[in-house]
Amino acid sequence: MRNAFKVLRRDLTRIRRAPKSWAIIIGLLVLPSLYAWVNIIAFWDPYGNADHIKVAIVNQDEGASTELTGEVNVGEQVVDQLKTNDQLGWQFMDHDAAMDAVRSGESYAAIVMPPDFSKDLLTIMTGDFIQPELEYYTNEKANAIAPKITEVGASTLDTQINSNFAATVAQTIAEQAEKAGVDTGIG
């Protein structure tokens, strides 16, 4: 143990006397910190600048109605909400223009709400539920990362549609119950 301290003292004395060694030591101490700092800054918020990623939105939804809900057009509701959402570069267009935009690379993806989207959602009221599905098209050749980000956008859109629908159904049921004279405490 005593020899180890002698070796350490001798090495520290030699380092103190050699200024070139200080440059190497400081470099070894600072470079890992700089490397970590640059990586943390680069990956701090990967979705923060995603608004330039263009995603085509096609609303073909024709809407639907039931006696309980009245007229419902989920496609229009989603488009209205996306117009205020700046997380991605939403572009609203028809089906052919969206497919051309995806093929050409102008848009990284296209999300299509089919004509029977609201109708399928309203089948939950009849008991024979048909799962409505968004059509999702992507151009994976345009950018390696954009499809992953647009997938997140598509799943967020799907979640948003489900929550909007649940809110619409709850509000409608509350209104119908109120008309019937039942106090629900909702809305």
Protein backbone atom coordinates (compact mmCIF):
# COMPACT_ATOMS: atom_id res chain seq x y z
CA MET A 1 0.00 0.00 0.00
CA ARG A 2 2.85 2.30 0.86
CA ASN A 3 4.44 1.74 -2.55
CA ALA A 4 1.20 2.71 -4.25
CA PHE A 5 1.24 6.13 -2.56
CA LYS A 6 4.88 6.63 -3.57
CA VAL A 7 4.02 5.87 -7.19
CA LEU A 8 1.02 8.22 -7.05
CA ARG A 9 3.10 11.05 -5.53
CA ARG A 10 5.84 10.54 -8.12
CA ASP A 11 3.28 10.60 -10.99
CA LEU A 12 1.60 13.76 -9.67
CA THR A 13 4.99 15.49 -9.39
CA ARG A 14 5.86 14.55 -12.97
CA ILE A 15 2.45 15.75 -14.22
CA ARG A 16 2.86 19.08 -12.42
CA ARG A 17 6.23 19.62 -14.10
CA ALA A 18 5.01 18.72 -17.63
CA PRO A 19 2.55 21.38 -18.97
CA LYS A 20 1.74 19.30 -22.06
CA SER A 21 0.27 16.60 -19.88
CA TRP A 22 -2.17 19.15 -18.39
CA ALA A 23 -3.67 19.71 -21.82
CA ILE A 24 -4.30 15.98 -22.18
CA ILE A 25 -5.78 15.67 -18.68
CA ILE A 26 -8.08 18.66 -19.17
CA GLY A 27 -9.12 17.27 -22.55
CA LEU A 28 -9.93 13.91 -21.01
CA LEU A 29 -12.03 15.61 -18.34
CA VAL A 30 -13.87 18.06 -20.61
CA LEU A 31 -14.48 16.10 -23.83
CA PRO A 32 -16.92 13.53 -22.38
CA SER A 33 -18.92 16.37 -20.83
CA LEU A 34 -19.07 18.23 -24.14
CA TYR A 35 -20.07 15.07 -25.96
CA ALA A 36 -22.89 14.42 -23.48
CA TRP A 37 -24.02 18.05 -23.65
CA VAL A 38 -24.24 18.03 -27.45
CA ASN A 39 -26.21 14.76 -27.45
CA ILE A 40 -28.61 15.93 -24.76
CA ILE A 41 -29.32 19.17 -26.65
CA ALA A 42 -29.77 17.28 -29.93
CA PHE A 43 -32.29 14.81 -28.51
CA TRP A 44 -33.95 16.96 -25.84
CA ASP A 45 -37.25 17.39 -27.70
CA PRO A 46 -37.41 15.21 -30.83
CA TYR A 47 -41.02 16.20 -31.57
CA GLY A 48 -40.51 19.92 -30.91
CA ASN A 49 -39.83 20.80 -34.54
CA ALA A 50 -42.21 18.31 -36.11
CA ASP A 51 -44.52 21.02 -37.47
CA HIS A 52 -42.62 20.98 -40.77
CA ILE A 53 -43.51 17.30 -41.27
CA LYS A 54 -46.46 17.47 -43.62
CA VAL A 55 -49.31 15.00 -43.16
CA ALA A 56 -52.23 14.99 -45.58
CA ILE A 57 -55.66 14.65 -43.99
CA VAL A 58 -58.54 13.41 -46.14
CA ASN A 59 -62.03 13.70 -44.73
CA GLN A 60 -64.42 11.58 -46.77
CA ASP A 61 -66.72 11.06 -43.79
CA GLU A 62 -70.33 11.57 -44.80
CA GLY A 63 -71.60 11.74 -41.25
CA ALA A 64 -74.45 9.73 -39.79
CA SER A 65 -77.39 10.09 -37.48
CA THR A 66 -79.41 8.11 -35.01
CA GLU A 67 -82.49 8.99 -33.03
CA LEU A 68 -80.39 9.18 -29.90
CA THR A 69 -77.46 11.25 -31.19
CA GLY A 70 -78.98 13.19 -34.05
CA GLU A 71 -76.60 14.22 -36.85
CA VAL A 72 -72.95 13.40 -36.11
CA ASN A 73 -69.99 14.06 -38.38
CA VAL A 74 -66.84 12.95 -36.60
CA GLY A 75 -64.70 13.74 -39.66
CA GLU A 76 -65.64 17.43 -39.53
CA GLN A 77 -65.00 17.55 -35.79
CA VAL A 78 -61.56 16.04 -36.22
CA VAL A 79 -60.65 18.41 -39.06
CA ASP A 80 -61.76 21.39 -36.97
CA GLN A 81 -59.56 20.26 -34.09
CA LEU A 82 -56.57 19.55 -36.32
CA LYS A 83 -56.74 23.06 -37.76
CA THR A 84 -55.90 24.35 -34.29
CA ASN A 85 -53.24 21.66 -33.66
CA ASP A 86 -49.69 22.62 -34.66
CA GLN A 87 -47.86 19.43 -33.63
CA LEU A 88 -47.51 18.30 -37.25
CA GLY A 89 -47.92 20.12 -40.57
CA TRP A 90 -51.52 19.06 -41.24
CA GLN A 91 -52.64 19.57 -44.85
CA PHE A 92 -56.30 19.14 -45.73
CA MET A 93 -56.98 17.83 -49.24
CA ASP A 94 -58.97 15.33 -51.27
CA HIS A 95 -57.99 11.68 -51.67
CA ASP A 96 -56.28 11.90 -55.08
CA ALA A 97 -54.25 14.98 -54.12
CA ALA A 98 -53.20 13.29 -50.86
CA MET A 99 -52.03 10.13 -52.62
CA ASP A 100 -50.08 12.23 -55.15
CA ALA A 101 -48.52 14.25 -52.31
CA VAL A 102 -47.41 11.06 -50.52
CA ARG A 103 -46.02 9.50 -53.71
CA SER A 104 -44.11 12.65 -54.64
CA GLY A 105 -42.72 13.13 -51.13
CA GLU A 106 -44.51 16.47 -50.61
CA SER A 107 -46.30 14.83 -47.67
CA TYR A 108 -44.75 12.14 -45.52
CA ALA A 109 -48.08 10.47 -44.85
CA ALA A 110 -51.80 10.61 -45.55
CA ILE A 111 -54.55 9.77 -43.10
CA VAL A 112 -57.94 9.08 -44.66
CA MET A 113 -61.26 9.03 -42.82
CA PRO A 114 -63.48 6.81 -45.02
CA PRO A 115 -67.07 7.78 -45.96
CA ASP A 116 -68.68 5.47 -43.39
CA PHE A 117 -66.46 6.51 -40.48
CA SER A 118 -69.19 8.21 -38.39
CA LYS A 119 -71.69 5.53 -39.37
CA ASP A 120 -69.37 2.80 -38.07
CA LEU A 121 -68.79 4.73 -34.84
CA LEU A 122 -72.52 5.04 -34.26
CA THR A 123 -73.00 1.27 -34.50
CA ILE A 124 -71.99 1.20 -30.84
CA MET A 125 -75.51 2.44 -30.11
CA THR A 126 -77.13 -0.52 -31.85
CA GLY A 127 -75.00 -3.18 -30.17
CA ASP A 128 -73.43 -4.56 -33.37
CA PHE A 129 -70.32 -2.42 -33.21
CA ILE A 130 -68.15 -2.10 -36.31
CA GLN A 131 -64.67 -0.80 -35.49
CA PRO A 132 -64.09 2.29 -37.66
CA GLU A 133 -60.62 2.41 -39.13
CA LEU A 134 -58.50 5.22 -40.44
CA GLU A 135 -56.58 4.53 -43.63
CA TYR A 136 -52.91 5.38 -43.23
CA TYR A 137 -50.47 5.78 -46.12
CA THR A 138 -46.83 6.68 -45.74
CA ASN A 139 -43.83 7.39 -47.95
CA GLU A 140 -40.96 5.70 -46.14
CA LYS A 141 -38.50 6.58 -48.89
CA ALA A 142 -38.78 10.32 -48.29
CA ASN A 143 -37.28 10.30 -44.79
CA ALA A 144 -36.24 7.59 -42.35
CA ILE A 145 -37.62 9.25 -39.22
CA ALA A 146 -40.75 10.97 -40.52
CA PRO A 147 -42.84 7.75 -40.78
CA LYS A 148 -42.26 7.08 -37.08
CA ILE A 149 -43.33 10.59 -36.16
CA THR A 150 -46.38 10.45 -38.44
CA GLU A 151 -47.34 7.10 -36.85
CA VAL A 152 -47.41 8.92 -33.53
CA GLY A 153 -49.57 11.58 -35.17
CA ALA A 154 -51.93 8.92 -36.53
CA SER A 155 -52.28 7.20 -33.16
CA THR A 156 -52.86 10.57 -31.50
CA LEU A 157 -55.54 11.31 -34.08
CA ASP A 158 -57.16 7.95 -33.38
CA THR A 159 -57.17 8.67 -29.64
CA GLN A 160 -58.59 12.12 -30.28
CA ILE A 161 -61.41 10.67 -32.38
CA ASN A 162 -62.27 8.14 -29.68
CA SER A 163 -62.35 10.79 -26.97
CA ASN A 164 -64.46 13.13 -29.13
CA PHE A 165 -66.89 10.35 -29.84
CA ALA A 166 -67.11 9.37 -26.18
CA ALA A 167 -67.76 12.99 -25.24
CA THR A 168 -70.44 13.33 -27.95
CA VAL A 169 -72.18 10.12 -26.85
CA ALA A 170 -72.06 11.13 -23.17
CA GLN A 171 -73.46 14.57 -23.96
CA THR A 172 -76.22 13.08 -26.13
CA ILE A 173 -77.19 10.52 -23.52
CA ALA A 174 -77.24 13.26 -20.86
CA GLU A 175 -79.48 15.42 -23.06
CA GLN A 176 -81.85 12.51 -23.78
CA ALA A 177 -82.00 11.60 -20.10
CA GLU A 178 -82.67 15.24 -19.22
CA LYS A 179 -85.55 15.32 -21.72
CA ALA A 180 -86.87 12.20 -20.04
CA GLY A 181 -86.66 13.94 -16.65
CA VAL A 182 -83.67 12.07 -15.22
CA ASP A 183 -80.93 14.08 -13.47
CA THR A 184 -77.55 12.73 -14.63
CA GLY A 185 -75.31 15.48 -13.28
CA ILE A 186 -73.53 15.58 -16.69
CA GLY A 187 -73.35 18.60 -18.99
